Amino acid sequence: MRKQAAGSTRCRESHRQTQLGSGVAVESLDYPELYRLQDRVLDVLFSVQTSFYLTGGTCLHRFHVEHRFSDDLDLFTNDNNLYREDVRALINGLRQAGIAFHIEVDTRDFVRMIVEHALKIDLVNDRVYRLGTNLPGPRGIALDSIPNIAANKICAIMGRDEPKDVFDLYSIFTTTQTDWPTVIAAAQKKCAWDMESLEFRLQSFPLNLLDLLPVPDPNFITSMKQNYQDLIDFLVTIP
């Protein structure tokens, strides 16, 4: 595999609002409605026999730690020679279920579709190292492991400026028992980076950007701002 360049939650049913990290309620996505759509789509997609598994923020926060709301579905498969066949099987499953969608991007190893003008789904044939294997989730959903998600988040932090990546890495650090030396080793197989560069990226991250994230409990972001340095201090000690 090649190495890349570094590059049921607590929804509030009665409001079409989302609490941002600042605690200010703003008009935003209707997450209860969106999550019902996610569930309907996931049930269809995982009733089809393919090698895809759910990963990314939705996997992390709907099935593992539940600290923020996540909009999209990221379905990955790895070095899959039958990727196009699997994509067609999922598309046929959605059509047979009567779910409206359109394809926005269609390339050799990446397909993006939009379901009912509301839900983005990325289907990725990932050609980099993967740590671990699928975990069984509810209703037959195949889930990525927390260590692999953590390793992917490190590569994401090195390659883009998204507050959700830093938030997710901190969520994993504070909420789970994770083998971090294994995560670090896996991330180094996935993308090109070093600890000094990661430390710089984390130290220079503007913590006020966390207030842009939709979360069920703003107190978690308050705590993260107060204890964020603990994550950095811990990571730099890993040999």
Protein backbone atom coordinates (compact mmCIF):
# COMPACT_ATOMS: atom_id res chain seq x y z
CA MET A 1 0.00 0.00 0.00
CA ARG A 2 1.23 3.49 -0.79
CA LYS A 3 1.71 6.20 1.83
CA GLN A 4 -0.22 9.41 1.33
CA ALA A 5 1.23 12.87 1.60
CA ALA A 6 0.18 14.49 4.87
CA GLY A 7 -2.56 15.95 3.86
CA SER A 8 -28.07 6.95 18.70
CA THR A 9 -26.98 10.22 20.04
CA ARG A 10 -28.43 12.90 22.33
CA CYS A 11 -30.45 14.80 19.76
CA ARG A 12 -32.99 17.31 20.96
CA GLU A 13 -36.18 16.35 19.25
CA SER A 14 -38.14 19.51 19.98
CA HIS A 15 -35.80 22.03 18.34
CA ARG A 16 -34.55 22.71 14.85
CA GLN A 17 -31.45 24.14 16.47
CA THR A 18 -27.97 22.97 17.35
CA GLN A 19 -25.89 24.03 20.33
CA LEU A 20 -22.54 25.33 19.20
CA GLY A 21 -19.56 25.05 21.51
CA SER A 22 -20.16 28.60 22.73
CA GLY A 23 -23.56 27.52 24.05
CA VAL A 24 -25.37 29.78 21.57
CA ALA A 25 -28.28 28.18 19.76
CA VAL A 26 -28.38 28.96 16.04
CA GLU A 27 -30.62 27.88 13.20
CA SER A 28 -28.85 24.88 11.72
CA LEU A 29 -29.36 21.32 10.63
CA ASP A 30 -32.21 19.35 12.10
CA TYR A 31 -30.03 16.58 13.50
CA PRO A 32 -32.85 14.33 14.71
CA GLU A 33 -34.25 14.36 11.19
CA LEU A 34 -30.83 13.95 9.59
CA TYR A 35 -29.97 11.04 11.89
CA ARG A 36 -33.21 9.31 11.01
CA LEU A 37 -32.22 9.63 7.36
CA GLN A 38 -28.73 8.33 8.16
CA ASP A 39 -30.24 5.32 9.90
CA ARG A 40 -32.56 4.59 7.00
CA VAL A 41 -29.70 4.80 4.50
CA LEU A 42 -27.31 2.76 6.67
CA ASP A 43 -29.91 0.01 7.03
CA VAL A 44 -30.20 -0.19 3.25
CA LEU A 45 -26.47 0.00 2.54
CA PHE A 46 -25.55 -2.68 5.06
CA SER A 47 -28.28 -5.00 3.88
CA VAL A 48 -26.17 -5.30 0.71
CA GLN A 49 -23.16 -7.62 0.75
CA THR A 50 -20.08 -5.44 0.14
CA SER A 51 -16.77 -4.82 1.89
CA PHE A 52 -17.60 -1.23 2.91
CA TYR A 53 -17.42 -0.12 6.53
CA LEU A 54 -18.47 3.11 8.24
CA THR A 55 -15.64 5.36 9.41
CA GLY A 56 -14.96 9.02 10.16
CA GLY A 57 -16.81 11.40 12.42
CA THR A 58 -20.22 9.79 12.12
CA CYS A 59 -18.82 6.39 13.04
CA LEU A 60 -16.94 7.91 15.97
CA HIS A 61 -19.69 10.09 17.40
CA ARG A 62 -22.76 8.00 16.70
CA PHE A 63 -21.34 4.63 17.72
CA HIS A 64 -18.28 5.16 19.93
CA VAL A 65 -17.99 8.40 21.94
CA GLU A 66 -20.93 10.70 21.02
CA HIS A 67 -19.44 14.15 21.67
CA ARG A 68 -20.49 16.06 18.54
CA PHE A 69 -23.04 15.89 15.77
CA SER A 70 -21.78 14.64 12.40
CA ASP A 71 -23.43 15.31 9.05
CA ASP A 72 -22.03 12.84 6.53
CA LEU A 73 -21.48 9.14 5.97
CA ASP A 74 -17.96 7.99 5.10
CA LEU A 75 -17.92 4.42 3.79
CA PHE A 76 -14.49 2.96 3.08
CA THR A 77 -13.16 -0.21 1.58
CA ASN A 78 -9.47 -1.06 1.25
CA ASP A 79 -7.56 -1.95 -1.92
CA ASN A 80 -10.76 -3.43 -3.29
CA ASN A 81 -10.55 -4.73 -6.86
CA LEU A 82 -14.34 -5.08 -6.80
CA TYR A 83 -14.88 -1.48 -5.72
CA ARG A 84 -16.96 -0.50 -8.78
CA GLU A 85 -19.14 -3.60 -8.39
CA ASP A 86 -19.67 -2.81 -4.70
CA VAL A 87 -20.62 0.78 -5.54
CA ARG A 88 -23.14 -0.44 -8.09
CA ALA A 89 -24.61 -2.83 -5.52
CA LEU A 90 -25.11 0.03 -3.05
CA ILE A 91 -26.65 2.25 -5.73
CA ASN A 92 -29.05 -0.52 -6.70
CA GLY A 93 -29.95 -1.02 -3.04
CA LEU A 94 -30.86 2.66 -2.65
CA ARG A 95 -32.92 2.60 -5.83
CA GLN A 96 -34.80 -0.52 -4.79
CA ALA A 97 -35.55 1.10 -1.41
CA GLY A 98 -37.00 4.14 -3.16
CA ILE A 99 -34.44 6.53 -1.67
CA ALA A 100 -33.83 9.58 -3.86
CA PHE A 101 -30.19 10.48 -4.54
CA HIS A 102 -27.87 11.87 -7.16
CA ILE A 103 -24.19 11.22 -7.82
CA GLU A 104 -22.04 14.33 -7.46
CA VAL A 105 -18.56 12.85 -8.05
CA ASP A 106 -17.65 9.58 -9.74
CA THR A 107 -13.98 8.63 -10.14
CA ARG A 108 -11.99 5.42 -10.08
CA ASP A 109 -11.65 5.16 -6.29
CA PHE A 110 -14.10 7.78 -5.04
CA VAL A 111 -17.83 8.32 -5.42
CA ARG A 112 -19.84 11.02 -3.70
CA MET A 113 -23.62 10.96 -3.65
CA ILE A 114 -26.21 13.25 -2.10
CA VAL A 115 -29.30 11.58 -0.66
CA GLU A 116 -32.57 13.51 -0.60
CA HIS A 117 -30.65 16.80 -0.99
CA ALA A 118 -29.56 16.49 2.64
CA LEU A 119 -27.09 13.67 3.30
CA LYS A 120 -23.64 13.40 1.74
CA ILE A 121 -22.20 9.91 1.33
CA ASP A 122 -18.57 9.31 0.32
CA LEU A 123 -17.65 5.85 -0.98
CA VAL A 124 -13.87 5.49 -0.86
CA ASN A 125 -11.54 2.76 -2.06
CA ASP A 126 -8.75 3.55 0.37
CA ARG A 127 -5.29 2.50 -0.76
CA VAL A 128 -3.28 3.24 2.37
CA TYR A 129 -2.51 1.16 5.45
CA ARG A 130 -5.44 0.30 7.70
CA LEU A 131 -5.10 -0.54 11.39
CA GLY A 132 -7.35 -3.32 12.60
CA THR A 133 -10.54 -4.78 11.19
CA ASN A 134 -14.27 -4.10 11.21
CA LEU A 135 -16.24 -4.06 14.43
CA PRO A 136 -19.84 -5.31 14.46
CA GLY A 137 -22.28 -2.48 15.01
CA PRO A 138 -26.04 -2.37 15.52
CA ARG A 139 -28.31 -3.56 12.72
CA GLY A 140 -25.43 -5.20 10.88
CA ILE A 141 -23.45 -1.98 10.36
CA ALA A 142 -19.71 -2.60 9.95
CA LEU A 143 -17.77 -0.04 12.00
CA ASP A 144 -14.18 1.12 11.82
CA SER A 145 -12.06 0.77 14.96
CA ILE A 146 -11.25 3.72 17.19
CA PRO A 147 -7.46 3.27 16.75
CA ASN A 148 -7.77 3.45 12.96
CA ILE A 149 -10.01 6.51 13.19
CA ALA A 150 -7.46 8.13 15.51
CA ALA A 151 -4.62 7.43 13.08
CA ASN A 152 -6.69 8.91 10.24
CA LYS A 153 -7.37 11.98 12.36
CA ILE A 154 -3.65 12.56 12.87
CA CYS A 155 -3.14 12.50 9.10
CA ALA A 156 -6.13 14.81 8.66
CA ILE A 157 -4.69 17.30 11.17
CA MET A 158 -1.41 17.29 9.25
CA GLY A 159 -3.13 17.89 5.92
CA ARG A 160 -5.99 20.33 6.55
CA ASP A 161 -7.32 22.91 8.98
CA GLU A 162 -10.60 21.52 10.32
CA PRO A 163 -11.61 21.96 13.96
CA LYS A 164 -13.53 18.68 13.87
CA ASP A 165 -10.27 16.72 13.42
CA VAL A 166 -8.65 18.21 16.52
CA PHE A 167 -11.91 17.80 18.44
CA ASP A 168 -12.19 14.15 17.42
CA LEU A 169 -8.61 13.35 18.39
CA TYR A 170 -9.15 14.95 21.79
CA SER A 171 -12.44 13.07 22.19
CA ILE A 172 -10.66 9.78 21.60
CA PHE A 173 -7.85 10.78 23.98
CA THR A 174 -10.19 11.64 26.86
CA THR A 175 -12.96 9.08 26.39
CA THR A 176 -11.36 5.81 25.29
CA GLN A 177 -8.63 3.40 26.30
CA THR A 178 -6.51 3.49 23.16
CA ASP A 179 -3.10 1.99 22.42
CA TRP A 180 -1.49 5.26 21.35
CA PRO A 181 1.94 3.91 20.34
CA THR A 182 0.11 1.62 17.90
CA VAL A 183 -1.96 4.57 16.66
CA ILE A 184 1.18 6.65 16.10
CA ALA A 185 2.89 3.82 14.23
CA ALA A 186 -0.18 3.32 12.05
CA ALA A 187 -0.44 7.03 11.26
CA GLN A 188 3.19 7.02 10.16
CA LYS A 189 2.36 4.22 7.71
CA LYS A 190 -0.64 6.14 6.38
CA CYS A 191 0.96 9.53 5.68
CA ALA A 192 4.25 11.41 5.91
CA TRP A 193 4.62 13.36 9.17
CA ASP A 194 6.75 13.66 12.31
CA MET A 195 5.92 14.39 15.93
CA GLU A 196 7.51 17.83 15.89
CA SER A 197 5.25 18.88 13.02
CA LEU A 198 2.18 17.40 14.71
CA GLU A 199 3.03 19.23 17.93
CA PHE A 200 3.30 22.49 16.00
CA ARG A 201 -0.04 21.92 14.27
CA LEU A 202 -1.76 21.21 17.57
CA GLN A 203 -0.10 24.07 19.46
CA SER A 204 -1.01 26.58 16.77
CA PHE A 205 -4.64 25.46 16.50
CA PRO A 206 -7.01 28.32 17.45
CA LEU A 207 -9.21 26.86 20.18
CA ASN A 208 -11.96 29.41 19.48
CA LEU A 209 -12.72 27.47 16.28
CA LEU A 210 -14.15 24.71 18.45
CA ASP A 211 -17.15 26.98 19.03
CA LEU A 212 -18.15 26.40 15.40
CA LEU A 213 -18.82 22.72 16.01
CA PRO A 214 -22.35 21.45 16.69
CA VAL A 215 -22.31 19.55 19.96
CA PRO A 216 -24.92 18.05 22.30
CA ASP A 217 -23.10 19.32 25.40
CA PRO A 218 -21.13 22.62 25.20
CA ASN A 219 -19.50 21.78 28.54
CA PHE A 220 -17.31 19.26 26.74
CA ILE A 221 -15.79 22.03 24.63
CA THR A 222 -15.29 24.17 27.73
CA SER A 223 -13.41 21.29 29.34
CA MET A 224 -11.40 20.69 26.16
CA LYS A 225 -10.22 24.30 26.09
CA GLN A 226 -9.09 24.01 29.70
CA ASN A 227 -7.31 20.66 29.31
CA TYR A 228 -6.23 20.68 25.65
CA GLN A 229 -2.53 20.90 26.51
CA ASP A 230 -2.80 17.49 28.18
CA LEU A 231 -3.30 15.90 24.75
CA ILE A 232 -0.20 17.55 23.32
CA ASP A 233 1.95 16.79 26.35
CA PHE A 234 0.89 13.15 26.18
CA LEU A 235 1.48 12.67 22.46
CA VAL A 236 5.01 14.10 22.48
CA THR A 237 6.07 11.54 25.10
CA ILE A 238 5.21 8.59 22.87
CA PRO A 239 8.45 7.04 21.58
